[in-house]
PDB file of N, CA and C in Angstrom:
ATOM      1  N   MET A   1    -254.878  21.464  67.303  1.00  0.00           N
ATOM      2  CA  MET A   1    -254.988  22.790  68.157  1.00  0.00           C
ATOM      3  C   MET A   1    -256.118  23.250  69.259  1.00  0.00           C
ATOM      4  N   ASP A   2    -255.643  23.592  69.933  1.00  0.00           N
ATOM      5  CA  ASP A   2    -256.429  24.815  71.350  1.00  0.00           C
ATOM      6  C   ASP A   2    -256.440  25.699  71.161  1.00  0.00           C
ATOM      7  N   LYS A   3    -257.604  25.708  70.449  1.00  0.00           N
ATOM      8  CA  LYS A   3    -258.875  27.013  69.806  1.00  0.00           C
ATOM      9  C   LYS A   3    -258.395  27.866  71.246  1.00  0.00           C
ATOM     10  N   LYS A   4    -258.782  28.392  72.277  1.00  0.00           N
ATOM     11  CA  LYS A   4    -258.751  28.582  74.105  1.00  0.00           C
ATOM     12  C   LYS A   4    -257.207  29.102  74.123  1.00  0.00           C
ATOM     13  N   HIS A   5    -256.213  28.257  74.076  1.00  0.00           N
ATOM     14  CA  HIS A   5    -255.107  28.796  73.821  1.00  0.00           C
ATOM     15  C   HIS A   5    -254.525  30.033  73.287  1.00  0.00           C
ATOM     16  N   TYR A   6    -254.745  30.203  72.260  1.00  0.00           N
ATOM     17  CA  TYR A   6    -255.230  31.491  71.003  1.00  0.00           C
ATOM     18  C   TYR A   6    -255.945  32.493  71.616  1.00  0.00           C
ATOM     19  N   LYS A   7    -257.160  32.421  72.334  1.00  0.00           N
ATOM     20  CA  LYS A   7    -258.283  33.278  72.174  1.00  0.00           C
ATOM     21  C   LYS A   7    -257.713  33.868  73.558  1.00  0.00           C
ATOM     22  N   ASN A   8    -257.217  33.345  74.311  1.00  0.00           N
ATOM     23  CA  ASN A   8    -256.552  33.635  75.794  1.00  0.00           C
ATOM     24  C   ASN A   8    -255.505  34.585  75.285  1.00  0.00           C
ATOM     25  N   GLY A   9    -255.185  34.899  74.282  1.00  0.00           N
ATOM     26  CA  GLY A   9    -253.724  35.817  74.093  1.00  0.00           C
ATOM     27  C   GLY A   9    -252.382  35.173  73.237  1.00  0.00           C
ATOM     28  N   ASN A  10    -252.168  34.198  73.813  1.00  0.00           N
ATOM     29  CA  ASN A  10    -251.223  32.950  73.279  1.00  0.00           C
ATOM     30  C   ASN A  10    -251.036  32.518  71.757  1.00  0.00           C
ATOM     31  N   SER A  11    -250.384  33.925  71.432  1.00  0.00           N
ATOM     32  CA  SER A  11    -250.207  33.689  69.552  1.00  0.00           C
ATOM     33  C   SER A  11    -249.486  32.012  68.884  1.00  0.00           C
ATOM     34  N   GLU A  12    -248.450  31.938  69.678  1.00  0.00           N
ATOM     35  CA  GLU A  12    -248.102  30.549  69.658  1.00  0.00           C
ATOM     36  C   GLU A  12    -248.872  29.498  69.121  1.00  0.00           C
ATOM     37  N   PRO A  13    -248.305  28.154  68.461  1.00  0.00           N
ATOM     38  CA  PRO A  13    -249.286  27.044  68.496  1.00  0.00           C
ATOM     39  C   PRO A  13    -249.235  25.886  70.117  1.00  0.00           C
ATOM     40  N   ALA A  14    -250.403  26.137  70.226  1.00  0.00           N
ATOM     41  CA  ALA A  14    -250.275  24.769  71.627  1.00  0.00           C
ATOM     42  C   ALA A  14    -249.869  23.380  70.813  1.00  0.00           C
ATOM     43  N   VAL A  15    -248.923  22.984  70.853  1.00  0.00           N
ATOM     44  CA  VAL A  15    -248.699  21.745  70.462  1.00  0.00           C
ATOM     45  C   VAL A  15    -248.969  20.270  71.543  1.00  0.00           C
ATOM     46  N   LYS A  16    -249.777  19.626  71.508  1.00  0.00           N
ATOM     47  CA  LYS A  16    -249.613  18.068  72.319  1.00  0.00           C
ATOM     48  C   LYS A  16    -248.514  17.311  71.311  1.00  0.00           C
ATOM     49  N   PHE A  17    -248.808  16.514  72.050  1.00  0.00           N
ATOM     50  CA  PHE A  17    -247.862  15.318  72.147  1.00  0.00           C
ATOM     51  C   PHE A  17    -248.265  13.469  72.197  1.00  0.00           C
ATOM     52  N   ASP A  18    -249.910  13.842  72.687  1.00  0.00           N
ATOM     53  CA  ASP A  18    -249.917  12.510  73.281  1.00  0.00           C
ATOM     54  C   ASP A  18    -250.139  11.428  72.344  1.00  0.00           C
ATOM     55  N   THR A  19    -249.984  11.877  70.724  1.00  0.00           N
ATOM     56  CA  THR A  19    -249.790  10.815  69.701  1.00  0.00           C
ATOM     57  C   THR A  19    -248.125   9.975  69.807  1.00  0.00           C
ATOM     58  N   VAL A  20    -247.411  11.083  70.095  1.00  0.00           N
ATOM     59  CA  VAL A  20    -245.997  10.289  70.384  1.00  0.00           C
ATOM     60  C   VAL A  20    -245.659   9.941  71.212  1.00  0.00           C
ATOM     61  N   ILE A  21    -246.380   9.987  72.973  1.00  0.00           N
ATOM     62  CA  ILE A  21    -245.457   9.948  73.956  1.00  0.00           C
ATOM     63  C   ILE A  21    -245.633   8.086  73.675  1.00  0.00           C
ATOM     64  N   PRO A  22    -246.401   7.478  73.285  1.00  0.00           N
ATOM     65  CA  PRO A  22    -246.220   6.094  73.052  1.00  0.00           C
ATOM     66  C   PRO A  22    -245.135   5.123  72.595  1.00  0.00           C
ATOM     67  N   GLY A  23    -244.941   5.983  71.388  1.00  0.00           N
ATOM     68  CA  GLY A  23    -243.592   5.814  70.825  1.00  0.00           C
ATOM     69  C   GLY A  23    -242.500   6.012  71.225  1.00  0.00           C
ATOM     70  N   LEU A  24    -242.501   6.797  71.804  1.00  0.00           N
ATOM     71  CA  LEU A  24    -241.156   8.012  72.634  1.00  0.00           C
ATOM     72  C   LEU A  24    -240.671   6.787  73.973  1.00  0.00           C
ATOM     73  N   GLU A  25    -242.103   6.544  74.484  1.00  0.00           N
ATOM     74  CA  GLU A  25    -241.836   5.407  75.487  1.00  0.00           C
ATOM     75  C   GLU A  25    -241.544   3.867  75.327  1.00  0.00           C
ATOM     76  N   PHE A  26    -242.242   3.306  74.046  1.00  0.00           N
ATOM     77  CA  PHE A  26    -241.881   2.632  73.776  1.00  0.00           C
ATOM     78  C   PHE A  26    -239.958   2.437  73.916  1.00  0.00           C
ATOM     79  N   CYS A  27    -239.366   3.566  72.436  1.00  0.00           N
ATOM     80  CA  CYS A  27    -238.029   3.256  72.265  1.00  0.00           C
ATOM     81  C   CYS A  27    -237.543   3.703  73.419  1.00  0.00           C
ATOM     82  N   LYS A  28    -237.801   4.553  74.925  1.00  0.00           N
ATOM     83  CA  LYS A  28    -237.106   4.547  76.203  1.00  0.00           C
ATOM     84  C   LYS A  28    -237.428   3.418  77.057  1.00  0.00           C
ATOM     85  N   GLU A  29    -238.239   2.646  76.932  1.00  0.00           N
ATOM     86  CA  GLU A  29    -238.068   1.444  77.778  1.00  0.00           C
ATOM     87  C   GLU A  29    -237.157   0.177  77.211  1.00  0.00           C
ATOM     88  N   ASN A  30    -237.233   0.096  75.788  1.00  0.00           N
ATOM     89  CA  ASN A  30    -236.322  -0.603  75.466  1.00  0.00           C
ATOM     90  C   ASN A  30    -234.785  -0.451  74.704  1.00  0.00           C
ATOM     91  N   GLY A  31    -234.683   0.411  74.947  1.00  0.00           N
ATOM     92  CA  GLY A  31    -233.405   1.238  74.754  1.00  0.00           C
ATOM     93  C   GLY A  31    -233.142   1.197  72.995  1.00  0.00           C
ATOM     94  N   ILE A  32    -233.948   1.768  72.570  1.00  0.00           N
ATOM     95  CA  ILE A  32    -233.908   1.724  70.821  1.00  0.00           C
ATOM     96  C   ILE A  32    -233.985   3.342  70.654  1.00  0.00           C
ATOM     97  N   GLN A  33    -233.191   4.180  69.708  1.00  0.00           N
ATOM     98  CA  GLN A  33    -233.192   5.163  69.552  1.00  0.00           C
ATOM     99  C   GLN A  33    -234.208   5.427  68.216  1.00  0.00           C
ATOM    100  N   MET A  34    -234.162   6.930  67.915  1.00  0.00           N
ATOM    101  CA  MET A  34    -235.304   7.003  66.619  1.00  0.00           C
ATOM    102  C   MET A  34    -234.674   8.679  66.218  1.00  0.00           C
ATOM    103  N   ARG A  35    -235.373   8.632  64.762  1.00  0.00           N
ATOM    104  CA  ARG A  35    -234.803   9.759  64.074  1.00  0.00           C
ATOM    105  C   ARG A  35    -236.181  10.152  63.998  1.00  0.00           C
ATOM    106  N   GLY A  36    -235.497  11.531  64.210  1.00  0.00           N
ATOM    107  CA  GLY A  36    -237.284  12.535  64.422  1.00  0.00           C
ATOM    108  C   GLY A  36    -237.110  13.262  62.860  1.00  0.00           C
ATOM    109  N   HIS A  37    -238.399  12.673  62.318  1.00  0.00           N
ATOM    110  CA  HIS A  37    -238.835  12.757  60.814  1.00  0.00           C
ATOM    111  C   HIS A  37    -240.299  13.653  60.582  1.00  0.00           C
ATOM    112  N   VAL A  38    -240.669  14.129  60.286  1.00  0.00           N
ATOM    113  CA  VAL A  38    -240.078  15.606  59.663  1.00  0.00           C
ATOM    114  C   VAL A  38    -240.402  16.608  61.016  1.00  0.00           C
ATOM    115  N   LEU A  39    -240.060  18.052  61.057  1.00  0.00           N
ATOM    116  CA  LEU A  39    -240.835  19.001  61.673  1.00  0.00           C
ATOM    117  C   LEU A  39    -241.409  19.634  61.175  1.00  0.00           C
ATOM    118  N   VAL A  40    -241.177  19.982  59.699  1.00  0.00           N
ATOM    119  CA  VAL A  40    -241.968  20.928  58.963  1.00  0.00           C
ATOM    120  C   VAL A  40    -241.928  20.369  57.486  1.00  0.00           C
ATOM    121  N   TRP A  41    -243.842  19.926  57.055  1.00  0.00           N
ATOM    122  CA  TRP A  41    -243.430  19.556  55.999  1.00  0.00           C
ATOM    123  C   TRP A  41    -245.072  19.595  54.841  1.00  0.00           C
ATOM    124  N   HIS A  42    -244.779  20.285  54.416  1.00  0.00           N
ATOM    125  CA  HIS A  42    -246.436  21.099  54.290  1.00  0.00           C
ATOM    126  C   HIS A  42    -247.143  19.505  53.766  1.00  0.00           C
ATOM    127  N   ASN A  43    -247.175  18.663  53.565  1.00  0.00           N
ATOM    128  CA  ASN A  43    -248.366  17.213  53.768  1.00  0.00           C
ATOM    129  C   ASN A  43    -249.006  17.118  54.923  1.00  0.00           C
ATOM    130  N   GLN A  44    -248.082  17.446  56.127  1.00  0.00           N
ATOM    131  CA  GLN A  44    -248.395  16.749  57.507  1.00  0.00           C
ATOM    132  C   GLN A  44    -248.979  17.998  57.848  1.00  0.00           C
ATOM    133  N   VAL A  45    -248.764  18.849  57.530  1.00  0.00           N
ATOM    134  CA  VAL A  45    -249.200  21.020  58.280  1.00  0.00           C
ATOM    135  C   VAL A  45    -250.613  21.215  57.643  1.00  0.00           C
ATOM    136  N   PRO A  46    -251.416  21.098  58.937  1.00  0.00           N
ATOM    137  CA  PRO A  46    -252.825  21.149  58.816  1.00  0.00           C
ATOM    138  C   PRO A  46    -252.829  22.792  57.982  1.00  0.00           C
ATOM    139  N   ASP A  47    -253.540  23.267  57.278  1.00  0.00           N
ATOM    140  CA  ASP A  47    -254.149  24.297  56.527  1.00  0.00           C
ATOM    141  C   ASP A  47    -254.376  25.263  57.750  1.00  0.00           C
ATOM    142  N   TRP A  48    -255.274  25.251  58.370  1.00  0.00           N
ATOM    143  CA  TRP A  48    -255.398  25.937  59.847  1.00  0.00           C
ATOM    144  C   TRP A  48    -254.127  26.590  60.088  1.00  0.00           C
ATOM    145  N   PHE A  49    -253.180  25.706  60.281  1.00  0.00           N
ATOM    146  CA  PHE A  49    -251.673  26.326  60.715  1.00  0.00           C
ATOM    147  C   PHE A  49    -251.201  28.067  60.189  1.00  0.00           C
ATOM    148  N   PHE A  50    -251.858  27.861  59.275  1.00  0.00           N
ATOM    149  CA  PHE A  50    -251.140  28.784  57.678  1.00  0.00           C
ATOM    150  C   PHE A  50    -251.716  29.742  58.132  1.00  0.00           C
ATOM    151  N   ARG A  51    -252.682  30.025  58.946  1.00  0.00           N
ATOM    152  CA  ARG A  51    -253.813  30.619  59.016  1.00  0.00           C
ATOM    153  C   ARG A  51    -254.150  31.888  60.369  1.00  0.00           C
ATOM    154  N   GLU A  52    -255.036  32.893  59.758  1.00  0.00           N
ATOM    155  CA  GLU A  52    -255.543  33.778  61.001  1.00  0.00           C
ATOM    156  C   GLU A  52    -255.918  33.001  61.851  1.00  0.00           C
ATOM    157  N   GLY A  53    -256.397  33.476  63.309  1.00  0.00           N
ATOM    158  CA  GLY A  53    -256.899  32.565  64.188  1.00  0.00           C
ATOM    159  C   GLY A  53    -256.379  31.102  64.067  1.00  0.00           C
ATOM    160  N   TYR A  54    -255.976  30.366  63.392  1.00  0.00           N
ATOM    161  CA  TYR A  54    -255.881  28.830  63.316  1.00  0.00           C
ATOM    162  C   TYR A  54    -257.196  28.711  62.890  1.00  0.00           C
ATOM    163  N   GLU A  55    -257.371  29.186  61.786  1.00  0.00           N
ATOM    164  CA  GLU A  55    -258.878  28.559  61.660  1.00  0.00           C
ATOM    165  C   GLU A  55    -259.147  28.466  59.830  1.00  0.00           C
ATOM    166  N   SER A  56    -259.621  27.402  59.602  1.00  0.00           N
ATOM    167  CA  SER A  56    -259.792  27.090  58.283  1.00  0.00           C
ATOM    168  C   SER A  56    -259.816  28.163  57.336  1.00  0.00           C
ATOM    169  N   ASP A  57    -261.221  28.718  58.080  1.00  0.00           N
ATOM    170  CA  ASP A  57    -261.506  29.562  56.625  1.00  0.00           C
ATOM    171  C   ASP A  57    -260.888  30.978  57.247  1.00  0.00           C
ATOM    172  N   GLY A  58    -259.898  31.009  57.883  1.00  0.00           N
ATOM    173  CA  GLY A  58    -259.262  32.456  58.203  1.00  0.00           C
ATOM    174  C   GLY A  58    -258.330  32.841  57.017  1.00  0.00           C
ATOM    175  N   GLU A  59    -258.232  34.410  56.612  1.00  0.00           N
ATOM    176  CA  GLU A  59    -257.374  34.693  55.284  1.00  0.00           C
ATOM    177  C   GLU A  59    -255.071  34.389  56.125  1.00  0.00           C
ATOM    178  N   PHE A  60    -254.970  33.819  55.036  1.00  0.00           N
ATOM    179  CA  PHE A  60    -253.285  33.575  55.513  1.00  0.00           C
ATOM    180  C   PHE A  60    -252.673  34.617  56.246  1.00  0.00           C
ATOM    181  N   VAL A  61    -251.868  33.835  56.909  1.00  0.00           N
ATOM    182  CA  VAL A  61    -250.627  34.935  58.209  1.00  0.00           C
ATOM    183  C   VAL A  61    -249.265  35.420  57.676  1.00  0.00           C
ATOM    184  N   ASP A  62    -248.781  36.521  57.195  1.00  0.00           N
ATOM    185  CA  ASP A  62    -248.085  37.167  56.722  1.00  0.00           C
ATOM    186  C   ASP A  62    -246.776  36.467  56.950  1.00  0.00           C
ATOM    187  N   LYS A  63    -245.803  36.287  56.121  1.00  0.00           N
ATOM    188  CA  LYS A  63    -244.435  35.756  56.385  1.00  0.00           C
ATOM    189  C   LYS A  63    -243.637  35.548  58.043  1.00  0.00           C
ATOM    190  N   GLU A  64    -243.758  36.754  58.421  1.00  0.00           N
ATOM    191  CA  GLU A  64    -243.037  37.212  60.093  1.00  0.00           C
ATOM    192  C   GLU A  64    -244.156  36.084  60.522  1.00  0.00           C
ATOM    193  N   THR A  65    -245.256  36.368  60.590  1.00  0.00           N
ATOM    194  CA  THR A  65    -246.506  35.659  61.760  1.00  0.00           C
ATOM    195  C   THR A  65    -246.063  33.503  60.867  1.00  0.00           C
ATOM    196  N   MET A  66    -245.874  33.568  59.870  1.00  0.00           N
ATOM    197  CA  MET A  66    -245.390  32.127  59.829  1.00  0.00           C
ATOM    198  C   MET A  66    -244.125  31.837  60.256  1.00  0.00           C
ATOM    199  N   LEU A  67    -243.095  32.616  59.934  1.00  0.00           N
ATOM    200  CA  LEU A  67    -241.869  32.341  60.853  1.00  0.00           C
ATOM    201  C   LEU A  67    -242.049  31.432  62.215  1.00  0.00           C
ATOM    202  N   ALA A  68    -242.035  32.916  62.925  1.00  0.00           N
ATOM    203  CA  ALA A  68    -242.833  32.639  64.060  1.00  0.00           C
ATOM    204  C   ALA A  68    -243.686  31.176  64.573  1.00  0.00           C
ATOM    205  N   ARG A  69    -244.144  30.777  63.951  1.00  0.00           N
ATOM    206  CA  ARG A  69    -245.216  30.259  64.533  1.00  0.00           C
ATOM    207  C   ARG A  69    -244.754  28.536  63.777  1.00  0.00           C
ATOM    208  N   MET A  70    -243.633  28.356  62.720  1.00  0.00           N
ATOM    209  CA  MET A  70    -242.776  27.836  62.735  1.00  0.00           C
ATOM    210  C   MET A  70    -241.758  27.622  63.861  1.00  0.00           C
ATOM    211  N   GLU A  71    -241.149  28.563  63.962  1.00  0.00           N
ATOM    212  CA  GLU A  71    -240.347  28.393  65.306  1.00  0.00           C
ATOM    213  C   GLU A  71    -240.616  27.953  66.478  1.00  0.00           C
ATOM    214  N   SER A  72    -241.425  28.792  66.903  1.00  0.00           N
ATOM    215  CA  SER A  72    -242.576  28.132  68.295  1.00  0.00           C
ATOM    216  C   SER A  72    -242.319  26.386  68.153  1.00  0.00           C
ATOM    217  N   TYR A  73    -242.679  26.765  67.216  1.00  0.00           N
ATOM    218  CA  TYR A  73    -243.707  24.775  67.097  1.00  0.00           C
ATOM    219  C   TYR A  73    -242.356  23.901  67.638  1.00  0.00           C
ATOM    220  N   ILE A  74    -241.263  24.063  66.701  1.00  0.00           N
ATOM    221  CA  ILE A  74    -240.033  23.576  66.376  1.00  0.00           C
ATOM    222  C   ILE A  74    -239.069  23.505  67.627  1.00  0.00           C
ATOM    223  N   ARG A  75    -238.947  25.086  68.352  1.00  0.00           N
ATOM    224  CA  ARG A  75    -238.663  24.827  69.675  1.00  0.00           C
ATOM    225  C   ARG A  75    -239.243  24.092  70.174  1.00  0.00           C
ATOM    226  N   GLN A  76    -240.397  23.655  70.577  1.00  0.00           N
ATOM    227  CA  GLN A  76    -241.522  23.390  71.409  1.00  0.00           C
ATOM    228  C   GLN A  76    -241.478  21.643  71.536  1.00  0.00           C
ATOM    229  N   VAL A  77    -241.357  21.541  70.636  1.00  0.00           N
ATOM    230  CA  VAL A  77    -240.932  20.101  70.129  1.00  0.00           C
ATOM    231  C   VAL A  77    -239.534  19.926  70.809  1.00  0.00           C
ATOM    232  N   LEU A  78    -238.528  19.894  70.426  1.00  0.00           N
ATOM    233  CA  LEU A  78    -237.284  19.772  70.750  1.00  0.00           C
ATOM    234  C   LEU A  78    -236.793  20.146  71.643  1.00  0.00           C
ATOM    235  N   GLU A  79    -237.364  20.693  73.115  1.00  0.00           N
ATOM    236  CA  GLU A  79    -237.265  21.083  74.285  1.00  0.00           C
ATOM    237  C   GLU A  79    -237.871  20.130  74.834  1.00  0.00           C
ATOM    238  N   PHE A  80    -239.591  19.662  74.464  1.00  0.00           N
ATOM    239  CA  PHE A  80    -240.120  18.599  74.858  1.00  0.00           C
ATOM    240  C   PHE A  80    -239.937  17.166  74.862  1.00  0.00           C
ATOM    241  N   THR A  81    -238.815  16.676  73.802  1.00  0.00           N
ATOM    242  CA  THR A  81    -238.358  15.227  73.384  1.00  0.00           C
ATOM    243  C   THR A  81    -236.968  15.586  74.361  1.00  0.00           C
ATOM    244  N   GLN A  82    -235.917  16.744  74.857  1.00  0.00           N
ATOM    245  CA  GLN A  82    -234.783  16.638  74.955  1.00  0.00           C
ATOM    246  C   GLN A  82    -234.759  16.626  76.533  1.00  0.00           C
ATOM    247  N   LYS A  83    -236.261  16.969  77.053  1.00  0.00           N
ATOM    248  CA  LYS A  83    -236.594  16.921  78.449  1.00  0.00           C
ATOM    249  C   LYS A  83    -237.379  15.828  78.713  1.00  0.00           C
ATOM    250  N   GLU A  84    -238.092  15.360  78.555  1.00  0.00           N
ATOM    251  CA  GLU A  84    -238.334  14.344  78.396  1.00  0.00           C
ATOM    252  C   GLU A  84    -237.962  13.094  78.697  1.00  0.00           C
ATOM    253  N   TYR A  85    -237.567  12.993  76.970  1.00  0.00           N
ATOM    254  CA  TYR A  85    -236.623  12.024  76.488  1.00  0.00           C
ATOM    255  C   TYR A  85    -235.552  11.873  76.019  1.00  0.00           C
ATOM    256  N   SER A  86    -234.669  12.569  76.515  1.00  0.00           N
ATOM    257  CA  SER A  86    -233.231  13.042  76.552  1.00  0.00           C
ATOM    258  C   SER A  86    -232.381  11.588  75.757  1.00  0.00           C
ATOM    259  N   GLY A  87    -231.900  11.677  75.071  1.00  0.00           N
ATOM    260  CA  GLY A  87    -231.057  10.634  74.303  1.00  0.00           C
ATOM    261  C   GLY A  87    -231.355   9.765  73.398  1.00  0.00           C
ATOM    262  N   VAL A  88    -233.169   9.625  73.303  1.00  0.00           N
ATOM    263  CA  VAL A  88    -234.247   8.750  72.672  1.00  0.00           C
ATOM    264  C   VAL A  88    -233.801   9.046  70.978  1.00  0.00           C
ATOM    265  N   ILE A  89    -234.358  10.971  70.567  1.00  0.00           N
ATOM    266  CA  ILE A  89    -234.153  10.952  69.307  1.00  0.00           C
ATOM    267  C   ILE A  89    -232.748  11.570  68.975  1.00  0.00           C
ATOM    268  N   TYR A  90    -231.645  10.265  67.873  1.00  0.00           N
ATOM    269  CA  TYR A  90    -230.506  10.552  67.754  1.00  0.00           C
ATOM    270  C   TYR A  90    -230.036  12.122  66.583  1.00  0.00           C
ATOM    271  N   ALA A  91    -231.192  12.260  65.831  1.00  0.00           N
ATOM    272  CA  ALA A  91    -231.115  13.102  64.659  1.00  0.00           C
ATOM    273  C   ALA A  91    -232.144  13.781  64.299  1.00  0.00           C
ATOM    274  N   TRP A  92    -232.441  14.800  63.935  1.00  0.00           N
ATOM    275  CA  TRP A  92    -234.084  15.482  63.172  1.00  0.00           C
ATOM    276  C   TRP A  92    -233.670  15.993  61.604  1.00  0.00           C
ATOM    277  N   ASP A  93    -235.106  15.483  60.923  1.00  0.00           N
ATOM    278  CA  ASP A  93    -234.333  15.452  59.480  1.00  0.00           C
ATOM    279  C   ASP A  93    -235.772  16.810  59.315  1.00  0.00           C
ATOM    280  N   VAL A  94    -235.535  18.345  59.891  1.00  0.00           N
ATOM    281  CA  VAL A  94    -235.869  19.574  60.286  1.00  0.00           C
ATOM    282  C   VAL A  94    -237.000  19.574  58.909  1.00  0.00           C
ATOM    283  N   VAL A  95    -236.462  19.312  57.918  1.00  0.00           N
ATOM    284  CA  VAL A  95    -237.537  20.375  56.737  1.00  0.00           C
ATOM    285  C   VAL A  95    -237.688  18.962  55.745  1.00  0.00           C
ATOM    286  N   ASN A  96    -238.354  18.773  55.180  1.00  0.00           N
ATOM    287  CA  ASN A  96    -238.382  17.789  53.706  1.00  0.00           C
ATOM    288  C   ASN A  96    -239.570  18.284  53.135  1.00  0.00           C
ATOM    289  N   GLU A  97    -238.867  18.343  51.789  1.00  0.00           N
ATOM    290  CA  GLU A  97    -239.034  19.193  50.340  1.00  0.00           C
ATOM    291  C   GLU A  97    -238.597  20.368  50.959  1.00  0.00           C
ATOM    292  N   ALA A  98    -237.956  21.490  51.437  1.00  0.00           N
ATOM    293  CA  ALA A  98    -237.959  22.580  51.320  1.00  0.00           C
ATOM    294  C   ALA A  98    -237.481  23.180  49.652  1.00  0.00           C
ATOM    295  N   VAL A  99    -238.951  23.859  49.181  1.00  0.00           N
ATOM    296  CA  VAL A  99    -238.496  24.464  48.064  1.00  0.00           C
ATOM    297  C   VAL A  99    -238.882  25.963  47.957  1.00  0.00           C
ATOM    298  N   GLU A 100    -237.722  26.620  47.088  1.00  0.00           N
ATOM    299  CA  GLU A 100    -238.169  28.487  47.211  1.00  0.00           C
ATOM    300  C   GLU A 100    -238.382  28.825  45.805  1.00  0.00           C
ATOM    301  N   ILE A 101    -239.495  29.332  45.046  1.00  0.00           N
ATOM    302  CA  ILE A 101    -239.915  29.427  43.664  1.00  0.00           C
ATOM    303  C   ILE A 101    -239.113  30.459  43.550  1.00  0.00           C
ATOM    304  N   THR A 102    -237.806  30.499  42.783  1.00  0.00           N
ATOM    305  CA  THR A 102    -237.513  31.742  41.523  1.00  0.00           C
ATOM    306  C   THR A 102    -237.519  31.590  40.604  1.00  0.00           C
ATOM    307  N   ASP A 103    -236.821  32.970  40.176  1.00  0.00           N
ATOM    308  CA  ASP A 103    -236.442  32.415  38.219  1.00  0.00           C
ATOM    309  C   ASP A 103    -234.681  31.894  38.509  1.00  0.00           C
ATOM    310  N   GLY A 104    -234.996  30.945  37.809  1.00  0.00           N
ATOM    311  CA  GLY A 104    -233.975  30.256  37.169  1.00  0.00           C
ATOM    312  C   GLY A 104    -234.092  29.250  38.381  1.00  0.00           C
ATOM    313  N   SER A 105    -235.018  28.692  38.815  1.00  0.00           N
ATOM    314  CA  SER A 105    -234.638  27.665  40.096  1.00  0.00           C
ATOM    315  C   SER A 105    -234.918  26.519  39.326  1.00  0.00           C
ATOM    316  N   PHE A 106    -235.007  25.984  38.235  1.00  0.00           N
ATOM    317  CA  PHE A 106    -235.779  24.552  37.395  1.00  0.00           C
ATOM    318  C   PHE A 106    -236.355  23.756  37.847  1.00  0.00           C
ATOM    319  N   LEU A 107    -237.567  24.855  38.588  1.00  0.00           N
ATOM    320  CA  LEU A 107    -238.359  23.574  38.620  1.00  0.00           C
ATOM    321  C   LEU A 107    -239.834  23.610  37.589  1.00  0.00           C
ATOM    322  N   ARG A 108    -240.276  22.204  37.627  1.00  0.00           N
ATOM    323  CA  ARG A 108    -241.310  21.653  36.874  1.00  0.00           C
ATOM    324  C   ARG A 108    -242.885  22.260  37.616  1.00  0.00           C
ATOM    325  N   LEU A 109    -243.452  23.155  36.860  1.00  0.00           N
ATOM    326  CA  LEU A 109    -244.666  23.411  38.585  1.00  0.00           C
ATOM    327  C   LEU A 109    -245.845  22.727  37.772  1.00  0.00           C
ATOM    328  N   GLU A 110    -245.891  22.121  36.563  1.00  0.00           N
ATOM    329  CA  GLU A 110    -246.798  21.316  35.843  1.00  0.00           C
ATOM    330  C   GLU A 110    -248.064  20.435  36.718  1.00  0.00           C
ATOM    331  N   SER A 111    -246.636  19.620  37.901  1.00  0.00           N
ATOM    332  CA  SER A 111    -247.255  18.896  38.478  1.00  0.00           C
ATOM    333  C   SER A 111    -247.950  19.448  40.041  1.00  0.00           C
ATOM    334  N   GLY A 112    -247.771  20.593  39.758  1.00  0.00           N
ATOM    335  CA  GLY A 112    -248.182  21.349  41.057  1.00  0.00           C
ATOM    336  C   GLY A 112    -247.543  21.151  42.332  1.00  0.00           C
ATOM    337  N   PHE A 113    -246.864  20.835  42.731  1.00  0.00           N
ATOM    338  CA  PHE A 113    -245.452  19.750  43.332  1.00  0.00           C
ATOM    339  C   PHE A 113    -244.520  20.847  43.268  1.00  0.00           C
ATOM    340  N   ASN A 114    -243.922  21.712  42.618  1.00  0.00           N
ATOM    341  CA  ASN A 114    -242.952  22.696  42.068  1.00  0.00           C
ATOM    342  C   ASN A 114    -242.089  21.389  41.835  1.00  0.00           C
ATOM    343  N   ILE A 115    -241.379  20.123  41.723  1.00  0.00           N
ATOM    344  CA  ILE A 115    -240.056  19.528  41.890  1.00  0.00           C
ATOM    345  C   ILE A 115    -239.080  20.418  41.218  1.00  0.00           C
ATOM    346  N   ARG A 116    -238.092  20.089  41.658  1.00  0.00           N
ATOM    347  CA  ARG A 116    -237.047  20.512  41.332  1.00  0.00           C
ATOM    348  C   ARG A 116    -236.345  19.689  40.849  1.00  0.00           C
ATOM    349  N   THR A 117    -235.529  19.775  39.202  1.00  0.00           N
ATOM    350  CA  THR A 117    -235.808  18.765  38.270  1.00  0.00           C
ATOM    351  C   THR A 117    -233.658  18.907  37.805  1.00  0.00           C
ATOM    352  N   LYS A 118    -233.329  19.990  38.722  1.00  0.00           N
ATOM    353  CA  LYS A 118    -232.115  19.971  38.239  1.00  0.00           C
ATOM    354  C   LYS A 118    -231.078  20.512  39.341  1.00  0.00           C
ATOM    355  N   LEU A 119    -229.920  20.490  39.866  1.00  0.00           N
ATOM    356  CA  LEU A 119    -228.999  20.841  41.175  1.00  0.00           C
ATOM    357  C   LEU A 119    -228.951  22.288  41.132  1.00  0.00           C
ATOM    358  N   ILE A 120    -228.347  23.486  41.447  1.00  0.00           N
ATOM    359  CA  ILE A 120    -227.959  24.369  41.497  1.00  0.00           C
ATOM    360  C   ILE A 120    -227.133  24.451  42.534  1.00  0.00           C
TER     361      ILE A 120
END
């Protein structure tokens, strides 16, 4: 995360693509399509993404801020790949393991992962 980006008044996450460009380039050069997996997954998002000022020790942001951050991140990734690597990614897995905790949701909470055990 580019902290200067935030401190200069831009609250959107500064998305960097340097780690994915080599794979995208390889696919583009070799006529290979890839599946985009995954845009949102709790195991791959650093803790600071959920916090005030993008700081690891900051307070958690509110729901509206988090939704705006996720929307911005997803939009930036999709715009970049469509503009720079059109046709390389044939499908996206947007969210992995989305779970909403509600009464009667049939979740096993013992593991700490809120695993759904029954379809509703």
